[in-house]
Amino acid sequence: MRRGYGGSGGSYAEGHSCCELRTYLAAAKDGADDLRAAIAAMRTRNDITTQGMIAVGVSSGGLASIALTLDPPPGLAAVISFAGGLARANRQPQDARSASDEAGLIEAFRTLGAGSRTPMLWVYTANDSYFRPDLAHRLLAAFTAAGGRARLIDAPAFGSDGHELFSAGIAMWPPMVDEFLHQQNLATRDLLPPPALPPLPAPPRLTDKGRAAFVDYLTAGPHKAFAASPSGAFGYWSGTRSAETAKDQALSGCRANAPDCRIYAIDNALAGTQATDNR
């Protein structure tokens, strides 16, 4: 976890002015320092081991995970970076990246490669709006030429923007990761069984699509909410900072198809039966 993400306070480490070599490296170092602080906090817990750690990052988190290996914390075994890199803080995906921006990023990866020896897997898609395949390969070439250890997977196009592969394409990337973990002797011999789904009945009158969506809802993490109407319309949202946000989003999606939607479930309990979240 890093500053400004999830429930963490503070401002984004990648808020540096862009895009000279020194600012790329400064943002990468700040992100890595945040990861290092999170790891130090985990070491104080008796229910967690930091031996055999794998740093997994997406976009700027991928860059931070790579930078973490310049001074790897004890126990760090590997890094997996999805669409790793950094763009201008105010950049929109459709905006063109300037040649000087790309040159600075490539040189930053070259510098990181000179100090990194941790094995890595990088995954970039064919339609990543921030990091084109040719740019990804130039980053790899600079990194490995300087001594870094990384393997790059050219994943096929995903959705409208492959930059979202990690968060939205979980059915697509696990085989890529599994192969890497086996190569590094980090995979378990036997897969653990999936966790049992919460024992919640589906709302009545859902279509097949709605029932499938409810199963997806049950597998999602908190905070989440599922809304439904007597006519079978539905909407759900997950992965938010609060249940209230999830409820608002779920109702909005359901009410696009029916005016009489109500919240059916919040997190893993039926609406009105869940425990109060006082965090």
Protein backbone atom coordinates (compact mmCIF):
# COMPACT_ATOMS: atom_id res chain seq x y z
CA MET A 1 0.00 0.00 0.00
CA ARG A 2 1.16 3.49 -0.75
CA ARG A 3 0.19 7.02 0.27
CA GLY A 4 -3.04 8.26 -1.27
CA TYR A 5 -4.32 4.79 -2.23
CA GLY A 6 -7.08 2.79 -0.60
CA GLY A 7 -7.51 4.05 2.95
CA SER A 8 -4.00 5.47 3.20
CA GLY A 9 -3.59 9.17 3.87
CA GLY A 10 -1.07 11.53 2.33
CA SER A 11 -0.51 12.58 -1.26
CA TYR A 12 0.57 10.44 -4.20
CA ALA A 13 4.30 9.86 -4.43
CA GLU A 14 4.05 10.17 -8.21
CA GLY A 15 2.84 13.75 -7.93
CA HIS A 16 6.29 14.98 -8.91
CA SER A 17 6.62 17.26 -11.89
CA CYS A 18 7.14 15.19 -15.00
CA CYS A 19 8.99 13.93 -16.92
CA GLU A 20 12.74 14.29 -16.51
CA LEU A 21 14.92 11.39 -15.40
CA ARG A 22 15.33 12.77 -11.89
CA THR A 23 11.59 13.18 -11.38
CA TYR A 24 10.81 9.69 -12.63
CA LEU A 25 13.40 8.25 -10.25
CA ALA A 26 12.22 10.43 -7.35
CA ALA A 27 8.64 9.22 -7.78
CA ALA A 28 9.83 5.62 -8.03
CA LYS A 29 11.90 5.98 -4.85
CA ASP A 30 9.02 7.55 -2.91
CA GLY A 31 6.70 4.75 -3.98
CA ALA A 32 9.26 2.13 -2.98
CA ASP A 33 9.73 3.82 0.40
CA ASP A 34 5.99 3.51 1.00
CA LEU A 35 6.11 -0.20 0.17
CA ARG A 36 9.08 -0.62 2.48
CA ALA A 37 7.15 1.03 5.32
CA ALA A 38 4.17 -1.28 4.76
CA ILE A 39 6.47 -4.32 4.84
CA ALA A 40 8.07 -3.09 8.09
CA ALA A 41 4.60 -2.81 9.62
CA MET A 42 3.76 -6.37 8.55
CA ARG A 43 6.89 -7.66 10.28
CA THR A 44 5.41 -6.61 13.62
CA ARG A 45 2.51 -9.04 13.20
CA ASN A 46 2.73 -12.63 14.40
CA ASP A 47 0.23 -13.91 11.81
CA ILE A 48 2.26 -12.85 8.77
CA THR A 49 5.62 -13.89 7.40
CA THR A 50 7.63 -11.65 5.10
CA GLN A 51 9.78 -14.51 3.85
CA GLY A 52 9.11 -15.30 0.20
CA MET A 53 7.35 -11.99 -0.43
CA ILE A 54 6.26 -11.06 -3.95
CA ALA A 55 5.75 -7.39 -4.76
CA VAL A 56 2.90 -6.97 -7.24
CA GLY A 57 2.21 -3.54 -8.70
CA VAL A 58 0.13 -1.93 -11.42
CA SER A 59 1.16 1.12 -13.46
CA SER A 60 2.98 3.48 -11.05
CA GLY A 61 2.75 0.67 -8.49
CA GLY A 62 4.67 -1.53 -10.89
CA LEU A 63 7.39 1.09 -11.12
CA ALA A 64 7.47 1.37 -7.31
CA SER A 65 7.77 -2.42 -7.00
CA ILE A 66 10.68 -2.45 -9.43
CA ALA A 67 12.38 0.37 -7.51
CA LEU A 68 11.93 -1.60 -4.28
CA THR A 69 14.51 -4.10 -5.58
CA LEU A 70 17.34 -1.55 -5.56
CA ASP A 71 17.54 -2.12 -1.82
CA PRO A 72 15.37 -5.22 -1.44
CA PRO A 73 13.89 -5.83 1.99
CA PRO A 74 14.79 -9.19 3.52
CA GLY A 75 12.48 -11.88 2.19
CA LEU A 76 11.61 -10.27 -1.14
CA ALA A 77 11.64 -13.12 -3.67
CA ALA A 78 10.21 -11.66 -6.88
CA VAL A 79 8.33 -8.78 -8.50
CA ILE A 80 5.33 -8.88 -10.82
CA SER A 81 4.61 -5.62 -12.65
CA PHE A 82 1.47 -5.03 -14.67
CA ALA A 83 1.77 -2.09 -17.10
CA GLY A 84 4.57 -0.68 -14.99
CA GLY A 85 5.60 2.92 -15.58
CA LEU A 86 4.66 6.51 -14.94
CA ALA A 87 2.82 9.14 -16.96
CA ARG A 88 2.08 12.78 -16.33
CA ALA A 89 -0.15 13.17 -13.29
CA ASN A 90 -2.77 15.09 -15.29
CA ARG A 91 -2.50 12.98 -18.43
CA GLN A 92 -5.57 11.35 -19.94
CA PRO A 93 -5.12 7.96 -21.61
CA GLN A 94 -5.79 9.34 -25.08
CA ASP A 95 -3.14 12.07 -24.76
CA ALA A 96 0.06 11.52 -26.70
CA ARG A 97 3.23 10.96 -24.70
CA SER A 98 6.04 13.17 -25.93
CA ALA A 99 9.33 11.74 -27.16
CA SER A 100 11.16 13.43 -24.28
CA ASP A 101 8.76 11.83 -21.78
CA GLU A 102 9.48 8.40 -23.24
CA ALA A 103 13.22 9.02 -23.31
CA GLY A 104 13.18 10.00 -19.65
CA LEU A 105 11.19 6.93 -18.67
CA ILE A 106 13.52 4.64 -20.63
CA GLU A 107 16.57 6.13 -18.92
CA ALA A 108 14.89 5.71 -15.54
CA PHE A 109 14.38 2.02 -16.27
CA ARG A 110 18.01 1.77 -17.33
CA THR A 111 19.09 3.25 -14.00
CA LEU A 112 16.81 0.89 -12.10
CA GLY A 113 18.17 -2.10 -14.02
CA ALA A 114 21.72 -1.24 -13.01
CA GLY A 115 20.85 -1.70 -9.35
CA SER A 116 18.27 -4.49 -9.48
CA ARG A 117 18.88 -8.24 -9.43
CA THR A 118 15.48 -9.56 -8.26
CA PRO A 119 13.66 -11.77 -10.80
CA MET A 120 10.64 -10.07 -12.34
CA LEU A 121 7.67 -10.66 -14.59
CA TRP A 122 6.31 -7.73 -16.59
CA VAL A 123 2.92 -7.88 -18.31
CA TYR A 124 1.83 -5.33 -20.92
CA THR A 125 -1.15 -5.61 -23.25
CA ALA A 126 -1.40 -4.86 -26.95
CA ASN A 127 -3.85 -1.99 -26.33
CA ASP A 128 -2.45 -0.34 -23.21
CA SER A 129 -3.26 3.35 -23.70
CA TYR A 130 -0.32 4.47 -21.56
CA PHE A 131 2.45 2.07 -22.57
CA ARG A 132 2.44 0.80 -26.16
CA PRO A 133 4.05 -2.58 -26.85
CA ASP A 134 7.05 -1.01 -28.57
CA LEU A 135 7.63 1.30 -25.59
CA ALA A 136 7.32 -1.62 -23.18
CA HIS A 137 10.02 -3.49 -25.10
CA ARG A 138 12.28 -0.44 -25.08
CA LEU A 139 11.86 -0.26 -21.30
CA LEU A 140 12.76 -3.95 -21.05
CA ALA A 141 15.80 -3.57 -23.30
CA ALA A 142 17.14 -0.68 -21.23
CA PHE A 143 16.47 -2.47 -17.96
CA THR A 144 18.04 -5.80 -18.89
CA ALA A 145 21.00 -4.25 -20.74
CA ALA A 146 21.93 -2.56 -17.47
CA GLY A 147 21.78 -5.87 -15.61
CA GLY A 148 18.17 -6.16 -14.46
CA ARG A 149 16.37 -9.52 -14.53
CA ALA A 150 12.94 -9.35 -16.16
CA ARG A 151 10.76 -11.31 -18.51
CA LEU A 152 8.07 -9.47 -20.47
CA ILE A 153 4.79 -11.03 -21.57
CA ASP A 154 3.02 -9.41 -24.53
CA ALA A 155 -0.57 -10.01 -23.47
CA PRO A 156 -3.31 -9.67 -26.09
CA ALA A 157 -5.63 -6.69 -26.19
CA PHE A 158 -8.02 -6.47 -23.27
CA GLY A 159 -11.29 -4.54 -23.37
CA SER A 160 -11.15 -0.94 -24.49
CA ASP A 161 -7.90 -0.29 -22.59
CA GLY A 162 -5.45 -3.01 -21.65
CA HIS A 163 -4.14 -0.83 -18.83
CA GLU A 164 -7.06 -2.27 -16.81
CA LEU A 165 -6.00 -5.91 -17.28
CA PHE A 166 -4.96 -6.56 -13.69
CA SER A 167 -8.10 -5.24 -12.05
CA ALA A 168 -10.69 -6.33 -14.61
CA GLY A 169 -9.10 -9.29 -16.40
CA ILE A 170 -8.52 -11.76 -13.61
CA ALA A 171 -9.72 -14.62 -15.81
CA MET A 172 -6.94 -13.86 -18.30
CA TRP A 173 -3.68 -13.32 -16.45
CA PRO A 174 -3.36 -16.03 -13.73
CA PRO A 175 -1.79 -18.62 -16.10
CA MET A 176 0.93 -16.10 -16.95
CA VAL A 177 1.65 -15.51 -13.28
CA ASP A 178 1.48 -19.21 -12.37
CA GLU A 179 4.13 -20.10 -14.92
CA PHE A 180 6.47 -17.43 -13.55
CA LEU A 181 5.90 -18.54 -9.95
CA HIS A 182 6.69 -22.16 -10.86
CA GLN A 183 9.88 -21.05 -12.60
CA GLN A 184 10.93 -19.26 -9.41
CA ASN A 185 9.91 -22.20 -7.18
CA LEU A 186 7.35 -19.96 -5.49
CA ALA A 187 4.17 -21.80 -6.39
CA THR A 188 2.45 -24.23 -4.08
CA ARG A 189 2.19 -27.81 -5.28
CA ASP A 190 -1.54 -27.98 -4.66
CA LEU A 191 -3.93 -25.11 -5.16
CA LEU A 192 -5.95 -24.13 -2.11
CA PRO A 193 -9.69 -24.55 -2.52
CA PRO A 194 -11.59 -21.34 -3.25
CA PRO A 195 -13.24 -19.75 -0.21
CA ALA A 196 -16.87 -20.62 0.36
CA LEU A 197 -19.33 -18.04 -0.91
CA PRO A 198 -21.42 -16.15 1.65
CA PRO A 199 -24.72 -18.02 2.22
CA LEU A 200 -26.95 -15.33 0.72
CA PRO A 201 -29.96 -16.20 -1.44
CA ALA A 202 -30.22 -14.41 -4.77
CA PRO A 203 -32.92 -11.75 -5.11
CA PRO A 204 -36.13 -13.10 -6.68
CA ARG A 205 -36.95 -12.65 -10.36
CA LEU A 206 -33.39 -12.19 -11.54
CA THR A 207 -32.64 -13.34 -15.07
CA ASP A 208 -29.80 -15.74 -15.79
CA LYS A 209 -27.58 -12.70 -16.32
CA GLY A 210 -28.69 -11.27 -12.99
CA ARG A 211 -28.03 -14.52 -11.11
CA ALA A 212 -24.57 -14.72 -12.66
CA ALA A 213 -23.96 -11.12 -11.60
CA PHE A 214 -25.02 -11.97 -8.05
CA VAL A 215 -22.46 -14.80 -7.94
CA ASP A 216 -19.83 -12.31 -9.11
CA TYR A 217 -20.98 -9.99 -6.34
CA LEU A 218 -20.58 -12.69 -3.72
CA THR A 219 -16.99 -13.34 -4.79
CA ALA A 220 -16.06 -9.64 -4.75
CA GLY A 221 -14.29 -7.98 -1.85
CA PRO A 222 -15.63 -5.25 0.40
CA HIS A 223 -17.00 -2.72 0.42
CA LYS A 224 -19.83 -3.72 -1.90
CA ALA A 225 -23.60 -3.50 -2.38
CA PHE A 226 -26.22 -5.18 -4.56
CA ALA A 227 -29.45 -3.43 -5.57
CA ALA A 228 -32.50 -5.06 -7.14
CA SER A 229 -36.07 -4.24 -8.13
CA PRO A 230 -39.20 -6.45 -8.05
CA SER A 231 -39.07 -6.54 -11.85
CA GLY A 232 -35.64 -8.21 -11.87
CA ALA A 233 -33.48 -5.18 -12.64
CA PHE A 234 -30.23 -5.08 -10.68
CA GLY A 235 -26.97 -3.26 -10.16
CA TYR A 236 -23.95 -3.83 -7.94
CA TRP A 237 -20.66 -2.20 -7.05
CA SER A 238 -17.62 -3.42 -5.15
CA GLY A 239 -14.12 -2.49 -4.06
CA THR A 240 -14.99 0.91 -2.60
CA ARG A 241 -13.66 2.67 0.48
CA SER A 242 -17.08 2.64 2.17
CA ALA A 243 -20.35 0.74 2.02
CA GLU A 244 -22.19 4.02 1.45
CA THR A 245 -20.31 4.63 -1.80
CA ALA A 246 -21.04 1.09 -2.93
CA LYS A 247 -24.76 1.53 -2.15
CA ASP A 248 -24.96 4.76 -4.14
CA GLN A 249 -23.26 3.19 -7.16
CA ALA A 250 -25.34 0.01 -7.02
CA LEU A 251 -28.60 1.97 -6.85
CA SER A 252 -27.51 4.20 -9.71
CA GLY A 253 -26.82 1.20 -11.93
CA CYS A 254 -30.10 -0.50 -11.04
CA ARG A 255 -32.22 2.62 -11.45
CA ALA A 256 -30.98 3.02 -15.00
CA ASN A 257 -33.34 0.12 -15.77
CA ALA A 258 -36.07 0.40 -13.12
CA PRO A 259 -37.33 3.18 -10.81
CA ASP A 260 -38.16 0.97 -7.80
CA CYS A 261 -34.72 -0.39 -6.93
CA ARG A 262 -33.73 -1.05 -3.34
CA ILE A 263 -30.51 -2.18 -1.70
CA TYR A 264 -30.68 -5.95 -1.31
CA ALA A 265 -27.25 -6.77 0.18
CA ILE A 266 -24.34 -4.88 1.70
CA ASP A 267 -20.97 -6.61 1.84
CA ASN A 268 -21.78 -10.20 2.86
CA ALA A 269 -25.14 -9.66 4.57
CA LEU A 270 -28.68 -8.84 3.54
CA ALA A 271 -29.54 -5.17 3.85
CA GLY A 272 -30.63 -4.35 7.36
CA THR A 273 -28.85 -7.32 8.94
CA GLN A 274 -25.20 -6.39 8.51
CA ALA A 275 -23.04 -5.24 11.40
CA THR A 276 -22.24 -1.53 11.59
CA ASP A 277 -18.87 -0.60 10.17
CA ASN A 278 -17.32 1.85 12.60
CA ARG A 279 -13.96 2.18 10.94
